[in-house]
Protein backbone atom coordinates (compact mmCIF):
# COMPACT_ATOMS: atom_id res chain seq x y z
CA UNK A 1 -13.27 18.81 -15.02
CA UNK A 2 -13.47 16.05 -12.41
CA UNK A 3 -11.56 16.40 -9.15
CA UNK A 4 -11.27 12.62 -8.91
CA UNK A 5 -8.02 10.93 -9.88
CA UNK A 6 -8.36 8.55 -12.80
CA UNK A 7 -6.40 5.26 -12.75
CA UNK A 8 -2.65 5.61 -13.40
CA UNK A 9 -2.78 9.41 -13.59
CA UNK A 10 -1.68 10.39 -10.08
CA UNK A 11 1.39 12.53 -9.45
CA UNK A 12 3.33 9.49 -8.26
CA UNK A 13 2.38 7.55 -11.37
CA UNK A 14 3.66 10.39 -13.54
CA UNK A 15 6.89 10.64 -11.56
CA UNK A 16 7.69 6.93 -11.74
CA UNK A 17 6.70 6.84 -15.41
CA UNK A 18 9.50 9.30 -16.13
CA UNK A 19 11.89 7.30 -13.94
CA UNK A 20 11.32 3.95 -15.66
CA UNK A 21 11.02 5.15 -19.24
CA UNK A 22 14.78 4.58 -19.88
CA UNK A 23 14.29 0.94 -18.80
CA UNK A 24 11.85 0.14 -21.61
CA UNK A 25 13.41 -2.37 -23.98
CA UNK A 26 16.19 -3.32 -21.56
CA UNK A 27 16.65 -6.57 -19.64
CA UNK A 28 14.99 -5.03 -16.60
CA UNK A 29 11.45 -6.38 -16.32
CA UNK A 30 8.47 -5.27 -14.20
CA UNK A 31 8.92 -8.44 -12.10
CA UNK A 32 12.47 -7.32 -11.29
CA UNK A 33 11.07 -4.07 -9.91
CA UNK A 34 8.37 -5.94 -8.01
CA UNK A 35 11.05 -8.11 -6.40
CA UNK A 36 13.00 -4.98 -5.48
CA UNK A 37 9.80 -3.57 -3.99
CA UNK A 38 9.37 -6.73 -1.91
CA UNK A 39 12.98 -6.72 -0.67
CA UNK A 40 12.99 -3.03 0.25
CA UNK A 41 9.56 -3.33 1.83
CA UNK A 42 10.66 -6.21 4.05
CA UNK A 43 13.90 -4.40 4.90
CA UNK A 44 11.90 -1.35 5.94
CA UNK A 45 9.62 -3.49 8.11
CA UNK A 46 12.65 -5.09 9.77
CA UNK A 47 14.06 -1.62 10.53
CA UNK A 48 10.75 -0.43 12.01
CA UNK A 49 10.48 -3.52 14.20
CA UNK A 50 13.81 -2.81 15.92
CA UNK A 51 12.29 0.11 17.79
CA UNK A 52 15.46 2.22 17.76
CA UNK A 53 15.18 5.83 16.58
CA UNK A 54 17.99 5.64 14.03
CA UNK A 55 16.67 2.36 12.62
CA UNK A 56 13.22 3.91 12.32
CA UNK A 57 14.60 6.89 10.40
CA UNK A 58 16.42 4.63 7.95
CA UNK A 59 13.33 2.46 7.72
CA UNK A 60 11.43 5.54 6.54
CA UNK A 61 13.98 6.19 3.82
CA UNK A 62 13.81 2.60 2.60
CA UNK A 63 10.01 2.66 2.81
CA UNK A 64 9.87 5.67 0.49
CA UNK A 65 12.02 3.82 -2.06
CA UNK A 66 9.78 0.76 -1.73
CA UNK A 67 6.65 2.85 -2.39
CA UNK A 68 8.18 4.32 -5.54
CA UNK A 69 9.10 0.84 -6.74
CA UNK A 70 5.50 -0.20 -6.10
CA UNK A 71 4.42 2.36 -8.69
CA UNK A 72 7.38 1.75 -11.00
CA UNK A 73 6.70 -1.90 -11.81
CA UNK A 74 3.22 -1.19 -13.13
CA UNK A 75 4.37 1.82 -15.12
CA UNK A 76 7.16 -0.19 -16.76
CA UNK A 77 4.68 -2.93 -17.63
CA UNK A 78 2.34 -0.43 -19.27
CA UNK A 79 5.05 1.47 -21.12
CA UNK A 80 6.68 -1.72 -22.39
CA UNK A 81 3.39 -3.51 -23.04
CA UNK A 82 4.70 -6.36 -20.90
CA UNK A 83 1.82 -6.92 -18.49
CA UNK A 84 1.02 -10.52 -17.61
CA UNK A 85 -1.41 -12.37 -15.33
CA UNK A 86 1.51 -13.73 -13.30
CA UNK A 87 3.07 -10.29 -12.96
CA UNK A 88 -0.21 -8.82 -11.77
CA UNK A 89 -0.69 -11.62 -9.22
CA UNK A 90 2.92 -11.36 -8.04
CA UNK A 91 2.60 -7.60 -7.62
CA UNK A 92 -0.68 -7.94 -5.71
CA UNK A 93 0.70 -10.55 -3.30
CA UNK A 94 3.83 -8.50 -2.64
CA UNK A 95 1.84 -5.33 -2.01
CA UNK A 96 -0.64 -7.01 0.33
CA UNK A 97 2.15 -8.70 2.27
CA UNK A 98 4.40 -5.67 2.64
CA UNK A 99 1.63 -3.21 3.51
CA UNK A 100 0.15 -5.51 6.15
CA UNK A 101 3.52 -6.42 7.67
CA UNK A 102 4.47 -2.75 7.87
CA UNK A 103 1.78 -2.02 10.44
CA UNK A 104 2.71 -5.08 12.47
CA UNK A 105 6.39 -4.09 12.36
CA UNK A 106 5.59 -0.56 13.53
CA UNK A 107 3.58 -1.99 16.43
CA UNK A 108 6.43 -4.28 17.44
CA UNK A 109 8.88 -1.40 17.26
CA UNK A 110 6.67 0.72 19.52
CA UNK A 111 6.76 -1.82 22.34
CA UNK A 112 9.39 0.35 24.01
CA UNK A 113 7.36 3.56 23.54
CA UNK A 114 4.62 4.94 25.77
CA UNK A 115 2.25 2.49 24.08
CA UNK A 116 4.08 -0.39 25.74
CA UNK A 117 2.60 -3.83 25.16
CA UNK A 118 -0.37 -2.23 23.42
CA UNK A 119 1.95 -1.42 20.50
CA UNK A 120 2.17 -4.96 19.06
CA UNK A 121 -1.55 -5.52 19.68
CA UNK A 122 -2.47 -2.33 17.84
CA UNK A 123 -0.06 -3.33 15.08
CA UNK A 124 -1.76 -6.70 14.72
CA UNK A 125 -5.21 -5.09 14.62
CA UNK A 126 -4.14 -2.52 12.04
CA UNK A 127 -2.39 -5.16 9.94
CA UNK A 128 -5.42 -7.46 9.91
CA UNK A 129 -7.77 -4.58 9.13
CA UNK A 130 -5.68 -3.22 6.27
CA UNK A 131 -5.19 -6.69 4.79
CA UNK A 132 -8.91 -7.46 4.95
CA UNK A 133 -9.84 -4.06 3.49
CA UNK A 134 -7.36 -4.53 0.62
CA UNK A 135 -8.63 -8.01 -0.26
CA UNK A 136 -12.27 -6.93 -0.09
CA UNK A 137 -11.51 -3.86 -2.23
CA UNK A 138 -9.99 -6.11 -4.89
CA UNK A 139 -13.11 -8.29 -4.83
CA UNK A 140 -15.32 -5.21 -5.12
CA UNK A 141 -13.38 -4.03 -8.17
CA UNK A 142 -13.38 -7.52 -9.72
CA UNK A 143 -17.15 -7.71 -9.28
CA UNK A 144 -17.53 -4.64 -11.49
CA UNK A 145 -19.35 -2.81 -8.72
CA UNK A 146 -17.20 0.31 -9.13
CA UNK A 147 -16.15 2.22 -12.24
CA UNK A 148 -12.44 2.39 -11.46
CA UNK A 149 -11.20 1.64 -7.95
CA UNK A 150 -12.97 0.85 -4.70
CA UNK A 151 -11.65 4.09 -3.20
CA UNK A 152 -10.68 6.79 -5.67
CA UNK A 153 -8.30 9.65 -5.01
CA UNK A 154 -8.74 13.35 -5.62
CA UNK A 155 -6.70 16.24 -7.04
CA UNK A 156 -4.06 14.01 -8.59
CA UNK A 157 -3.53 11.85 -5.53
CA UNK A 158 -4.50 8.19 -5.21
CA UNK A 159 -6.16 6.87 -2.05
CA UNK A 160 -3.14 4.67 -1.35
CA UNK A 161 -0.71 7.57 -1.79
CA UNK A 162 -1.22 7.98 1.96
CA UNK A 163 1.36 5.21 2.36
CA UNK A 164 4.07 7.68 1.34
CA UNK A 165 3.33 9.66 4.49
CA UNK A 166 4.74 6.87 6.63
CA UNK A 167 8.25 7.99 5.69
CA UNK A 168 7.98 11.49 7.24
CA UNK A 169 5.95 9.97 10.09
CA UNK A 170 8.96 7.76 10.85
CA UNK A 171 11.36 10.71 10.67
CA UNK A 172 9.33 12.93 13.00
CA UNK A 173 8.29 10.36 15.62
CA UNK A 174 4.61 10.21 14.66
CA UNK A 175 4.29 6.42 14.52
CA UNK A 176 2.28 6.02 17.77
CA UNK A 177 -0.46 8.30 16.45
CA UNK A 178 -0.35 6.79 12.97
CA UNK A 179 -0.68 3.29 14.45
CA UNK A 180 -3.65 4.23 16.62
CA UNK A 181 -5.35 5.75 13.58
CA UNK A 182 -4.63 2.67 11.48
CA UNK A 183 -5.91 0.34 14.20
CA UNK A 184 -9.21 2.21 14.00
CA UNK A 185 -9.28 3.01 10.29
CA UNK A 186 -8.17 -0.42 9.01
CA UNK A 187 -11.06 -2.41 10.53
CA UNK A 188 -13.47 0.44 9.71
CA UNK A 189 -12.63 0.33 6.00
CA UNK A 190 -12.72 -3.47 6.05
CA UNK A 191 -16.26 -3.41 7.43
CA UNK A 192 -17.31 -0.61 5.07
CA UNK A 193 -15.92 -2.45 2.04
CA UNK A 194 -17.56 -5.70 3.12
CA UNK A 195 -20.91 -3.92 3.31
CA UNK A 196 -20.38 -2.37 -0.14
CA UNK A 197 -19.46 -5.76 -1.59
CA UNK A 198 -22.51 -7.38 0.01
CA UNK A 199 -24.77 -4.67 -1.42
CA UNK A 200 -23.19 -5.04 -4.86
CA UNK A 201 -23.71 -8.81 -4.86
CA UNK A 202 -27.31 -8.40 -3.68
CA UNK A 203 -27.91 -5.89 -6.47
CA UNK A 204 -26.41 -8.25 -9.03
CA UNK A 205 -28.68 -11.10 -7.88
CA UNK A 206 -31.72 -8.85 -7.96
CA UNK A 207 -30.77 -7.69 -11.46
């Protein structure tokens, strides 16, 4: 039995699948859930950018809802057999935008912390790195260079399930350390994915 998580089988996928099952056949569409994901994601970013402790706590709550909605739209599309090219593109753009803006918002909010003016700069670096890594990962998957996803999860968790951890990080004041890690990890994964994509394209040409 493989320890690697197959697509759409993670614990969060299973949870949201149960949540959206009653919506199948109703007027609620996957695009409605994607829009809700976008709105809650942007609201969470706005709360993080304020830099106030209470706003940050509420931002974490909203962020957790946004992450669940991110899973829910795809699950509803699969259960209701209502997937579409537009829906997939819309979902991708919303996810890329919200995830990248979240790091920038955290950095702006930390301008009043011990990070000072380095907060927004680290946020910008993390945001650019995560956005580049996400786009390159999508290209790597589209090129057929990987069997499932560019970065697979293990033991029932997806690689991007780490985003859920930003909620408790907000509640327990861990954002400075999370941001520093993201400012290092984001560009690292972007470079790593770019190298993997380059090797895959070189292999395809050689083949």
